[in-house]
Protein backbone atom coordinates (compact mmCIF):
# COMPACT_ATOMS: atom_id res chain seq x y z
CA MET A 1 -8.11 -9.45 9.48
CA LYS A 2 -9.16 -7.89 12.24
CA GLU A 3 -13.01 -8.18 13.29
CA GLU A 4 -12.80 -4.58 13.69
CA ASP A 5 -11.47 -3.85 10.25
CA LEU A 6 -14.07 -6.17 9.01
CA SER A 7 -16.83 -4.67 10.35
CA ALA A 8 -15.30 -1.15 9.24
CA ILE A 9 -15.66 -2.30 5.53
CA LYS A 10 -18.89 -3.65 6.36
CA ARG A 11 -20.38 0.03 7.21
CA TYR A 12 -18.69 1.32 3.65
CA PRO A 13 -22.14 2.96 2.72
CA ILE A 14 -23.10 0.70 0.00
CA VAL A 15 -24.70 3.89 -1.76
CA GLU A 16 -21.07 5.61 -2.19
CA TYR A 17 -19.72 2.24 -3.16
CA LEU A 18 -22.31 1.84 -6.31
CA GLU A 19 -21.69 5.75 -6.73
CA ARG A 20 -18.15 5.41 -7.46
CA LYS A 21 -19.03 3.13 -9.86
CA GLY A 22 -21.33 6.12 -12.02
CA ILE A 23 -24.17 3.61 -10.51
CA LYS A 24 -27.13 6.26 -9.29
CA PRO A 25 -30.32 5.50 -7.18
CA VAL A 26 -33.84 6.14 -9.29
CA ARG A 27 -35.44 7.04 -5.95
CA ARG A 28 -34.12 7.86 -2.39
CA THR A 29 -35.44 8.39 0.86
CA PRO A 30 -33.66 9.21 4.23
CA ALA A 31 -34.36 5.04 4.89
CA TYR A 32 -33.33 3.48 1.50
CA ALA A 33 -32.64 3.93 -2.43
CA MET A 34 -33.96 2.22 -5.18
CA TYR A 35 -31.47 1.31 -8.53
CA ARG A 36 -32.26 -0.38 -11.60
CA SER A 37 -30.16 -3.39 -10.65
CA PRO A 38 -26.71 -3.41 -11.37
CA LEU A 39 -26.62 -7.31 -11.37
CA ARG A 40 -28.61 -7.38 -14.46
CA ALA A 41 -30.35 -5.38 -17.29
CA GLU A 42 -34.21 -4.64 -16.53
CA THR A 43 -35.92 -1.04 -16.87
CA HIS A 44 -38.05 -0.60 -13.66
CA PRO A 45 -35.85 0.16 -10.04
CA ASN A 46 -36.09 -3.69 -8.23
CA PHE A 47 -32.88 -3.23 -6.40
CA LYS A 48 -33.30 -1.76 -3.14
CA VAL A 49 -30.81 -0.56 -0.31
CA ASP A 50 -31.32 0.00 3.11
CA THR A 51 -28.79 2.82 4.02
CA ARG A 52 -29.98 2.21 7.68
CA LYS A 53 -28.43 -1.38 8.17
CA ASN A 54 -26.38 -1.07 4.94
CA LEU A 55 -27.76 -3.94 3.42
CA TRP A 56 -29.31 -4.66 -0.26
CA ILE A 57 -31.86 -7.31 -1.95
CA ASP A 58 -32.59 -7.78 -5.57
CA TYR A 59 -36.15 -8.35 -5.54
CA GLY A 60 -35.60 -10.15 -8.72
CA GLU A 61 -33.87 -11.98 -8.19
CA GLY A 62 -34.76 -12.61 -4.28
CA LYS A 63 -31.30 -12.28 -3.21
CA GLY A 64 -29.34 -9.87 -1.11
CA GLY A 65 -26.33 -9.62 1.56
CA SER A 66 -23.76 -7.07 2.80
CA ILE A 67 -21.28 -4.93 0.56
CA ILE A 68 -18.98 -7.52 0.70
CA ASP A 69 -21.85 -9.96 -1.12
CA LEU A 70 -22.57 -7.31 -3.41
CA CYS A 71 -18.54 -6.89 -4.48
CA MET A 72 -18.40 -10.69 -4.80
CA ARG A 73 -21.23 -10.38 -7.33
CA MET A 74 -20.99 -7.29 -9.01
CA GLU A 75 -17.09 -8.16 -9.32
CA GLY A 76 -17.01 -11.87 -10.08
CA CYS A 77 -14.44 -12.14 -7.05
CA THR A 78 -13.67 -14.65 -4.09
CA LEU A 79 -14.58 -13.25 -0.54
CA GLN A 80 -11.03 -12.55 0.33
CA GLU A 81 -10.24 -10.22 -2.89
CA ALA A 82 -13.65 -8.38 -2.08
CA ILE A 83 -12.67 -7.71 1.06
CA CYS A 84 -9.05 -6.63 0.02
CA ARG A 85 -10.50 -4.46 -2.79
CA LEU A 86 -13.41 -2.91 -0.23
CA GLY A 87 -10.66 -2.23 2.28
CA GLN A 88 -8.71 -0.53 -0.32
CA THR A 89 -11.73 1.94 -1.39
CA ALA A 90 -12.58 2.98 2.17
CA SER A 91 -8.97 3.87 3.13
CA LEU A 92 -7.38 4.82 0.22
CA ASP A 93 -10.03 6.45 -2.19
CA ALA A 94 -12.26 7.84 -0.35
CA ALA A 95 -12.53 11.08 -1.70
CA TYR A 96 -10.53 13.23 -3.86
CA CYS A 97 -10.11 16.78 -4.01
CA PRO A 98 -8.19 19.52 -6.09
CA HIS A 99 -4.11 20.09 -4.73
CA ASN A 100 -2.84 22.63 -6.76
CA THR A 101 -4.59 26.00 -7.91
CA ASP A 102 -2.68 26.39 -10.85
CA ASN A 103 -5.71 27.35 -13.40
CA SER A 104 -3.21 27.96 -16.06
CA MET A 105 -3.17 23.32 -15.45
CA PRO A 106 -5.12 21.11 -17.74
CA GLU A 107 -7.95 19.72 -14.76
CA SER A 108 -7.38 16.51 -15.93
CA HIS A 109 -3.33 16.98 -15.79
CA LYS A 110 -3.84 18.92 -12.21
CA PRO A 111 -2.81 16.45 -9.00
CA VAL A 112 -4.90 15.35 -6.58
CA VAL A 113 -5.12 14.24 -3.22
CA SER A 114 -7.12 11.92 -1.29
CA VAL A 115 -8.87 13.20 2.20
CA ASN A 116 -6.94 11.21 4.31
CA GLU A 117 -3.55 11.48 2.21
CA ALA A 118 -3.03 8.07 1.88
CA ARG A 119 -3.14 8.39 -1.74
CA LYS A 120 -1.82 11.17 -3.95
CA LEU A 121 -2.48 11.39 -7.73
CA ILE A 122 1.03 12.77 -8.87
CA GLY A 123 0.64 13.34 -12.54
CA ILE A 124 -1.12 12.09 -16.02
CA SER A 125 1.63 11.40 -18.85
CA ASP A 126 1.39 10.09 -22.30
CA THR A 127 4.92 8.04 -22.11
CA LEU A 128 4.96 5.02 -20.11
CA PRO A 129 8.11 4.07 -18.64
CA PRO A 130 10.35 1.22 -20.02
CA HIS A 131 9.33 -1.22 -16.91
CA LEU A 132 5.59 -0.72 -17.92
CA GLN A 133 6.36 -1.44 -21.85
CA LYS A 134 8.54 -3.94 -21.06
CA TYR A 135 5.48 -5.88 -18.86
CA LEU A 136 2.92 -4.85 -21.78
CA THR A 137 5.36 -6.50 -24.72
CA LYS A 138 7.09 -8.85 -22.66
CA GLU A 139 4.17 -10.41 -20.23
CA ARG A 140 1.27 -9.31 -22.10
CA CYS A 141 2.63 -9.84 -25.48
CA ILE A 142 0.47 -6.21 -26.97
CA ASP A 143 1.77 -4.59 -29.43
CA LEU A 144 2.75 -1.36 -27.97
CA GLU A 145 2.43 0.89 -31.41
CA LYS A 146 -0.97 -0.07 -31.47
CA ALA A 147 -1.63 0.36 -27.83
CA MET A 148 -0.63 3.15 -26.77
CA PRO A 149 -3.11 5.70 -28.31
CA PHE A 150 -5.38 4.39 -25.41
CA LEU A 151 -2.39 4.00 -22.70
CA LYS A 152 -1.80 6.56 -20.17
CA CYS A 153 0.84 6.47 -17.45
CA ILE A 154 -0.45 7.39 -13.96
CA SER A 155 1.93 8.43 -11.09
CA TYR A 156 0.50 8.48 -7.53
CA GLU A 157 1.90 8.46 -4.12
CA VAL A 158 1.62 6.38 -1.27
CA ARG A 159 2.67 7.03 1.91
CA ARG A 160 5.72 8.50 0.69
CA GLN A 161 6.23 5.72 -1.58
CA ARG A 162 5.99 6.95 -5.66
CA TYR A 163 4.44 4.31 -7.61
CA GLN A 164 3.61 4.61 -11.55
CA ALA A 165 0.52 2.42 -13.37
CA ILE A 166 -0.67 1.83 -16.84
CA GLY A 167 -3.90 3.70 -16.86
CA PHE A 168 -7.05 2.88 -19.30
CA ALA A 169 -9.39 5.91 -19.61
CA ASN A 170 -13.14 5.63 -19.93
CA PRO A 171 -15.15 9.22 -21.11
CA SER A 172 -16.60 9.94 -17.38
CA GLY A 173 -12.92 10.85 -16.51
CA GLY A 174 -11.75 7.80 -14.83
CA TYR A 175 -9.07 5.09 -15.27
CA GLU A 176 -8.71 1.60 -15.06
CA LEU A 177 -4.95 0.98 -13.71
CA ARG A 178 -2.78 -1.99 -13.80
CA ASP A 179 0.94 -2.14 -12.93
CA ASN A 180 3.26 -4.62 -13.79
CA GLY A 181 2.86 -6.73 -10.62
CA THR A 182 -0.62 -8.00 -9.17
CA PHE A 183 -2.00 -4.59 -8.85
CA LYS A 184 -5.75 -3.68 -10.22
CA GLY A 185 -7.14 -0.82 -9.24
CA THR A 186 -9.67 2.15 -10.56
CA ILE A 187 -9.50 5.79 -10.55
CA ALA A 188 -13.48 6.55 -9.98
CA PRO A 189 -15.83 7.04 -11.58
CA LYS A 190 -16.31 3.45 -13.57
CA ASP A 191 -17.65 3.66 -16.83
CA ILE A 192 -17.57 1.47 -20.01
CA THR A 193 -15.16 2.84 -22.46
CA PRO A 194 -16.62 3.26 -26.33
CA VAL A 195 -13.46 3.03 -29.38
CA PHE A 196 -13.73 3.75 -32.59
CA THR A 197 -17.02 5.22 -32.73
CA ASP A 198 -15.56 8.37 -34.59
CA LYS A 199 -12.48 9.23 -36.44
CA GLN A 200 -10.04 7.95 -33.70
CA THR A 201 -8.20 5.82 -36.53
CA GLU A 202 -7.38 6.35 -40.19
CA HIS A 203 -9.90 3.31 -41.37
CA ALA A 204 -14.03 3.62 -41.88
CA ILE A 205 -15.78 2.04 -39.31
CA ASP A 206 -18.37 -0.08 -40.69
CA ASN A 207 -21.43 0.49 -38.61
CA THR A 208 -23.01 -3.06 -40.04
CA LEU A 209 -20.88 -4.80 -38.30
CA PRO A 210 -21.04 -6.62 -34.78
CA VAL A 211 -19.79 -4.72 -31.83
CA CYS A 212 -16.77 -6.07 -30.13
CA VAL A 213 -17.37 -6.20 -26.64
CA PHE A 214 -14.54 -6.96 -24.01
CA GLU A 215 -14.72 -7.54 -20.45
CA GLY A 216 -11.13 -5.97 -19.71
CA PHE A 217 -8.58 -3.38 -20.79
CA MET A 218 -5.86 -5.52 -21.24
CA ASP A 219 -8.28 -8.42 -23.42
CA PHE A 220 -9.05 -4.84 -26.22
CA LEU A 221 -5.31 -4.49 -26.62
CA SER A 222 -4.71 -8.39 -27.36
CA PHE A 223 -7.26 -7.99 -29.84
CA LEU A 224 -5.79 -4.71 -31.38
CA SER A 225 -2.43 -6.92 -31.73
CA MET A 226 -3.88 -9.94 -33.29
CA LYS A 227 -5.70 -7.65 -36.06
CA GLU A 228 -4.26 -6.20 -39.11
CA GLU A 229 -7.16 -3.43 -38.56
CA ILE A 230 -9.94 -2.91 -36.91
CA THR A 231 -13.28 -2.42 -38.60
CA SER A 232 -16.26 -2.74 -35.83
CA VAL A 233 -16.90 -0.28 -32.57
CA CYS A 234 -15.51 -2.09 -29.84
CA LEU A 235 -16.64 -1.33 -25.87
CA VAL A 236 -14.70 -2.13 -23.11
CA LEU A 237 -16.61 -2.97 -20.39
CA ASN A 238 -14.13 -2.28 -17.29
CA SER A 239 -15.90 -5.02 -15.31
CA VAL A 240 -18.96 -7.43 -15.87
CA SER A 241 -20.37 -5.10 -13.33
CA ASN A 242 -21.13 -2.35 -15.94
CA VAL A 243 -22.99 -5.01 -18.17
CA ALA A 244 -26.13 -2.81 -17.72
CA ARG A 245 -24.43 0.38 -18.41
CA ALA A 246 -23.46 -1.40 -21.96
CA ILE A 247 -26.88 -2.61 -22.60
CA ARG A 248 -27.95 0.78 -22.14
CA TYR A 249 -25.53 2.11 -24.05
CA LEU A 250 -26.47 -0.48 -27.35
CA ASN A 251 -29.98 0.86 -27.06
CA ASP A 252 -29.21 4.06 -27.02
CA HIS A 253 -27.12 3.86 -30.14
CA ASN A 254 -29.39 1.15 -32.30
CA LEU A 255 -26.59 -1.16 -32.00
CA THR A 256 -28.22 -4.72 -31.58
CA HIS A 257 -25.44 -7.32 -32.98
CA ILE A 258 -22.50 -7.80 -30.69
CA ARG A 259 -19.77 -10.47 -30.34
CA THR A 260 -18.72 -10.21 -26.64
CA PHE A 261 -15.09 -11.42 -25.37
CA LEU A 262 -15.55 -11.80 -21.96
CA ASP A 263 -13.80 -14.23 -19.55
CA ASN A 264 -14.10 -17.89 -18.99
CA ASP A 265 -15.46 -17.90 -15.70
CA GLU A 266 -19.07 -17.79 -13.73
CA ALA A 267 -19.01 -13.70 -14.21
CA GLY A 268 -18.23 -13.71 -17.64
CA ARG A 269 -20.97 -16.71 -18.56
CA ARG A 270 -23.23 -14.56 -16.55
CA GLY A 271 -22.63 -11.24 -18.42
CA THR A 272 -22.84 -13.05 -21.81
CA ASN A 273 -26.31 -14.43 -20.47
CA ASP A 274 -27.44 -10.69 -19.50
CA PHE A 275 -26.80 -9.39 -22.77
CA ILE A 276 -28.75 -12.32 -24.74
CA ARG A 277 -31.64 -11.88 -22.56
CA THR A 278 -32.31 -8.07 -23.64
CA GLY A 279 -32.56 -9.82 -26.92
CA ILE A 280 -29.05 -8.40 -28.39
CA ASN A 281 -27.72 -10.36 -31.08
CA VAL A 282 -24.79 -12.44 -29.50
CA GLU A 283 -22.06 -14.05 -30.68
CA ASP A 284 -20.16 -15.47 -27.96
CA MET A 285 -16.51 -15.47 -29.02
CA SER A 286 -15.33 -17.25 -25.26
CA VAL A 287 -16.15 -20.69 -27.46
CA TYR A 288 -12.31 -20.41 -29.23
CA TYR A 289 -10.26 -19.83 -26.21
CA ARG A 290 -12.40 -21.69 -24.18
CA ASN A 291 -9.05 -23.37 -22.73
CA PHE A 292 -7.70 -20.17 -21.26
CA LYS A 293 -8.90 -17.73 -18.76
CA ASP A 294 -9.01 -15.08 -20.83
CA LEU A 295 -8.29 -13.31 -24.20
CA ASN A 296 -5.54 -12.01 -23.35
CA GLU A 297 -3.95 -15.53 -21.98
CA TYR A 298 -5.50 -16.93 -25.03
CA HIS A 299 -3.26 -14.11 -27.19
CA VAL A 300 0.06 -14.62 -25.25
CA TYR A 301 -0.12 -18.29 -25.57
CA ARG A 302 -0.35 -18.02 -29.28
CA VAL A 303 2.65 -15.62 -29.51
CA ARG A 304 4.61 -17.86 -27.22
CA GLU A 305 4.07 -20.74 -30.00
CA LYS A 306 5.17 -18.79 -32.41
CA GLN A 307 8.25 -18.09 -31.29
CA ILE A 308 8.98 -21.72 -30.21
CA ARG A 309 8.15 -22.64 -33.91
CA GLN A 310 10.72 -19.77 -34.83
CA GLY A 311 13.53 -20.80 -32.88
CA GLN A 312 13.26 -18.30 -30.46
CA ILE A 313 12.08 -20.03 -27.50
CA GLN A 314 14.12 -22.49 -26.74
CA ASP A 315 12.17 -24.44 -24.14
CA THR A 316 9.09 -25.90 -25.25
CA SER A 317 7.77 -26.75 -21.81
CA ILE A 318 6.79 -23.15 -21.84
CA LYS A 319 3.62 -24.06 -23.66
CA ALA A 320 1.90 -26.07 -21.30
CA LYS A 321 3.16 -23.60 -18.11
CA GLN A 322 1.37 -20.99 -20.22
CA VAL A 323 -2.35 -22.78 -20.23
CA LYS A 324 -2.32 -23.31 -16.17
CA HIS A 325 -0.96 -19.95 -15.99
CA LYS A 326 -3.38 -16.98 -14.79
CA MET A 327 -2.37 -13.31 -15.94
CA ARG A 328 -3.35 -11.33 -13.37
């Protein structure tokens, strides 16, 4: 990456980065903004952003840095991944505005266009195209019949090239995006997604049972595919950076017992510990898939093993490959 490109990323305002994730300051002056830390659960604002120098510091941890350092912490990614994500955010997803003045069209289905016209959101559909359905069923071993009520097809355009992605909504109007390759993205605002909190299914939800907390929607869909029926409230973080938001949600709804299905990595362990430190009764379910990156990888492995036993897959070497494979 060119030095000037890296400098441009470091100039991307931290307050805007946090705003896009739905994190707002508790107090703001012309020189700085104070937040409740997005890196851990806290009640008093100890996270400061120097808006002039575009640097942050978490007084509770005694750590700070640039927007790149913050992205690495909040999204649990490497330096290169952080640079890539911030570069995409700064250049392609700077802002969105209405592009169609047809007031008869529902707001959520109106095409929108980014200010710099780098990416256009063409539309939102309830039907996934065959290649995305195949990705979910063949690569991720997801039960489409159970998953489709929670998914949308997001169509967008970049430099006159059209793309489609699987979209998983949050209640603030944002979407988590995945395609059938390596693309992972977000349509702001970022937020947690509570599931099965009302009459979303024909089954009665037992609020006395632990809330099942998932790091990403693919893990939630895996859980959905593994179970005959779900009787607990579920909560999809859509990023470990949303742990503090999830804790507030649990406290607001007097939910004190959870089961965490987070990734087997440093960010996932840190997220689980953040829940524990608040006094919430936590069952860490990652111990049941400790040899796998996440719940989806474990689910795929189980499905492949079953297929091998039933003779649907003849090459048994796929078992060893599956353990090492990192699902993206």
